[in-house]
């Protein structure tokens, strides 16, 4: 497999985990409507438990499907499962950190934060997955380059499918 395609294959669970909570939605916000010490919401209504666990489930499912298609990429099912979980959890954690930062600086829910929205989930996913299976520096740089475009395209698609109310 080409090194750049391998990087995209590797990160797929994180991409799916990051994109899928919009489908699951949910009612109960992860911050339970609570405010931080600054008086602003911790995360906001857009981050729900159902969305979080739906995203985690989706990312891990993608990793299991990937293992069925290309088991030699992982070496064992155990590694594939651990990697899919780390990438998915990392992506969702990065997104939560981004929401926390956006609330601190007064950005409204759904308002785009260039860089933070596109790279926060990616960097967090890569950091959590690092001990399990690593990418080369070139592959990481490639993902940093293409992820904003993939993120933008996924958001436009979700908007056109009426899963999101805004195209960002």
Protein backbone atom coordinates (compact mmCIF):
# COMPACT_ATOMS: atom_id res chain seq x y z
CA UNK A 1 0.00 0.00 0.00
CA UNK A 2 1.26 3.49 -0.86
CA UNK A 3 2.57 5.41 2.18
CA UNK A 4 0.02 8.24 1.80
CA UNK A 5 -2.90 5.85 1.30
CA UNK A 6 -1.65 3.94 4.34
CA UNK A 7 -1.87 7.15 6.39
CA UNK A 8 -5.48 7.70 5.28
CA UNK A 9 -6.31 4.06 6.03
CA UNK A 10 -4.74 4.42 9.48
CA UNK A 11 -6.73 7.56 10.40
CA UNK A 12 -10.14 6.42 9.12
CA UNK A 13 -11.49 5.45 12.58
CA UNK A 14 -10.69 8.98 13.83
CA UNK A 15 -12.34 10.61 10.81
CA UNK A 16 -15.50 8.55 11.25
CA UNK A 17 -15.58 9.01 15.02
CA UNK A 18 -15.24 12.77 14.61
CA UNK A 19 -17.93 13.00 11.90
CA UNK A 20 -20.58 10.61 13.20
CA UNK A 21 -21.87 12.28 16.40
CA UNK A 22 -23.91 14.65 14.23
CA UNK A 23 -25.92 11.61 13.10
CA UNK A 24 -26.48 10.27 16.62
CA UNK A 25 -27.25 13.67 18.15
CA UNK A 26 -28.64 13.22 21.64
CA UNK A 27 -30.39 15.19 24.32
CA UNK A 28 -28.18 15.01 27.40
CA UNK A 29 -25.20 17.37 27.12
CA UNK A 30 -21.93 15.98 28.43
CA UNK A 31 -21.55 18.98 30.71
CA UNK A 32 -25.12 18.48 32.02
CA UNK A 33 -25.77 22.19 31.36
CA UNK A 34 -23.14 23.24 33.89
CA UNK A 35 -20.95 26.31 33.63
CA UNK A 36 -17.21 26.59 34.23
CA UNK A 37 -15.69 28.98 36.80
CA UNK A 38 -15.82 31.74 34.16
CA UNK A 39 -19.63 31.47 34.06
CA UNK A 40 -19.67 30.05 30.53
CA UNK A 41 -20.87 26.58 29.61
CA UNK A 42 -18.19 23.93 29.92
CA UNK A 43 -18.87 22.37 26.50
CA UNK A 44 -22.34 23.41 25.37
CA UNK A 45 -25.43 21.60 24.14
CA UNK A 46 -23.71 20.31 21.00
CA UNK A 47 -21.63 17.74 22.88
CA UNK A 48 -23.91 14.95 24.04
CA UNK A 49 -23.30 11.56 25.62
CA UNK A 50 -25.20 9.82 22.84
CA UNK A 51 -23.11 11.57 20.18
CA UNK A 52 -19.89 10.77 22.02
CA UNK A 53 -20.61 7.07 22.46
CA UNK A 54 -22.11 6.86 18.97
CA UNK A 55 -18.91 8.34 17.57
CA UNK A 56 -16.77 5.97 19.62
CA UNK A 57 -18.82 2.99 18.47
CA UNK A 58 -18.64 4.10 14.83
CA UNK A 59 -14.88 4.60 14.90
CA UNK A 60 -14.25 1.21 16.50
CA UNK A 61 -16.63 -0.44 14.02
CA UNK A 62 -14.68 1.11 11.15
CA UNK A 63 -11.47 -0.31 12.67
CA UNK A 64 -13.03 -3.79 12.87
CA UNK A 65 -14.15 -3.56 9.24
CA UNK A 66 -10.68 -2.40 8.23
CA UNK A 67 -9.15 -5.41 10.00
CA UNK A 68 -11.47 -7.74 8.07
CA UNK A 69 -10.37 -6.12 4.80
CA UNK A 70 -6.63 -5.80 5.49
CA UNK A 71 -5.56 -7.77 8.59
CA UNK A 72 -1.86 -7.65 7.69
CA UNK A 73 -1.90 -3.87 8.23
CA UNK A 74 -2.45 -4.43 11.96
CA UNK A 75 -0.80 -7.75 12.70
CA UNK A 76 -3.54 -8.90 15.06
CA UNK A 77 -7.18 -8.23 15.85
CA UNK A 78 -6.17 -7.06 19.30
CA UNK A 79 -3.91 -4.34 17.86
CA UNK A 80 -6.61 -3.31 15.36
CA UNK A 81 -9.16 -2.97 18.18
CA UNK A 82 -6.79 -1.02 20.43
CA UNK A 83 -5.78 1.28 17.59
CA UNK A 84 -9.36 1.92 16.49
CA UNK A 85 -10.37 2.70 20.07
CA UNK A 86 -7.39 5.01 20.66
CA UNK A 87 -7.92 6.88 17.39
CA UNK A 88 -11.67 7.20 17.95
CA UNK A 89 -11.43 8.22 21.60
CA UNK A 90 -8.59 10.60 20.76
CA UNK A 91 -10.60 12.26 17.98
CA UNK A 92 -13.59 12.75 20.26
CA UNK A 93 -11.41 13.99 23.11
CA UNK A 94 -9.74 16.49 20.79
CA UNK A 95 -13.14 17.72 19.67
CA UNK A 96 -14.23 18.15 23.30
CA UNK A 97 -11.07 20.10 24.09
CA UNK A 98 -11.80 22.29 21.07
CA UNK A 99 -15.33 22.96 22.32
CA UNK A 100 -14.01 23.81 25.77
CA UNK A 101 -11.54 26.30 24.26
CA UNK A 102 -14.22 27.79 22.01
CA UNK A 103 -16.54 28.36 24.98
CA UNK A 104 -13.71 30.04 26.91
CA UNK A 105 -13.06 32.55 24.12
CA UNK A 106 -16.76 33.22 23.64
CA UNK A 107 -17.39 31.40 20.37
CA UNK A 108 -20.95 30.23 19.87
CA UNK A 109 -21.88 26.59 19.31
CA UNK A 110 -21.29 25.56 15.72
CA UNK A 111 -19.16 28.59 14.91
CA UNK A 112 -16.07 27.54 12.96
CA UNK A 113 -12.65 27.83 14.55
CA UNK A 114 -10.17 27.45 11.71
CA UNK A 115 -7.37 25.12 12.71
CA UNK A 116 -8.85 24.08 16.03
CA UNK A 117 -11.78 22.26 14.40
CA UNK A 118 -9.65 20.57 11.75
CA UNK A 119 -6.48 19.71 13.63
CA UNK A 120 -7.57 19.36 17.26
CA UNK A 121 -9.25 16.00 16.79
CA UNK A 122 -6.46 14.79 14.49
CA UNK A 123 -3.59 15.66 16.83
CA UNK A 124 -5.36 14.18 19.85
CA UNK A 125 -6.10 10.97 17.93
CA UNK A 126 -2.50 10.64 16.77
CA UNK A 127 -1.14 11.23 20.28
CA UNK A 128 -3.37 8.57 21.85
CA UNK A 129 -2.63 6.06 19.07
CA UNK A 130 1.13 6.66 19.09
CA UNK A 131 1.99 3.88 21.60
CA UNK A 132 0.02 1.32 19.58
CA UNK A 133 1.04 1.98 15.97
CA UNK A 134 2.91 5.00 14.69
CA UNK A 135 3.10 6.84 11.41
CA UNK A 136 6.17 8.32 9.79
CA UNK A 137 6.76 12.06 10.02
CA UNK A 138 5.87 12.36 6.35
CA UNK A 139 2.57 10.59 6.90
CA UNK A 140 1.69 12.86 9.83
CA UNK A 141 2.53 15.94 7.77
CA UNK A 142 0.38 14.60 4.93
CA UNK A 143 -2.56 14.14 7.31
CA UNK A 144 -2.08 17.65 8.70
CA UNK A 145 -2.24 18.92 5.13
CA UNK A 146 -5.26 16.97 3.84
CA UNK A 147 -7.42 16.80 6.97
CA UNK A 148 -8.76 20.39 6.71
CA UNK A 149 -10.01 19.63 3.19
CA UNK A 150 -11.54 16.30 4.21
CA UNK A 151 -13.12 17.97 7.25
CA UNK A 152 -14.59 20.72 5.08
CA UNK A 153 -15.94 18.22 2.55
CA UNK A 154 -17.52 16.07 5.27
CA UNK A 155 -19.22 19.14 6.76
CA UNK A 156 -20.60 20.25 3.40
CA UNK A 157 -21.91 16.73 2.77
CA UNK A 158 -23.54 16.60 6.22
CA UNK A 159 -25.15 19.98 5.54
CA UNK A 160 -26.49 18.84 2.14
CA UNK A 161 -27.87 15.70 3.79
CA UNK A 162 -29.55 17.98 6.38
CA UNK A 163 -27.61 16.39 9.25
CA UNK A 164 -26.16 19.81 10.09
CA UNK A 165 -27.75 23.24 9.98
CA UNK A 166 -24.55 24.96 8.77
CA UNK A 167 -21.95 23.84 6.20
CA UNK A 168 -18.97 24.15 8.58
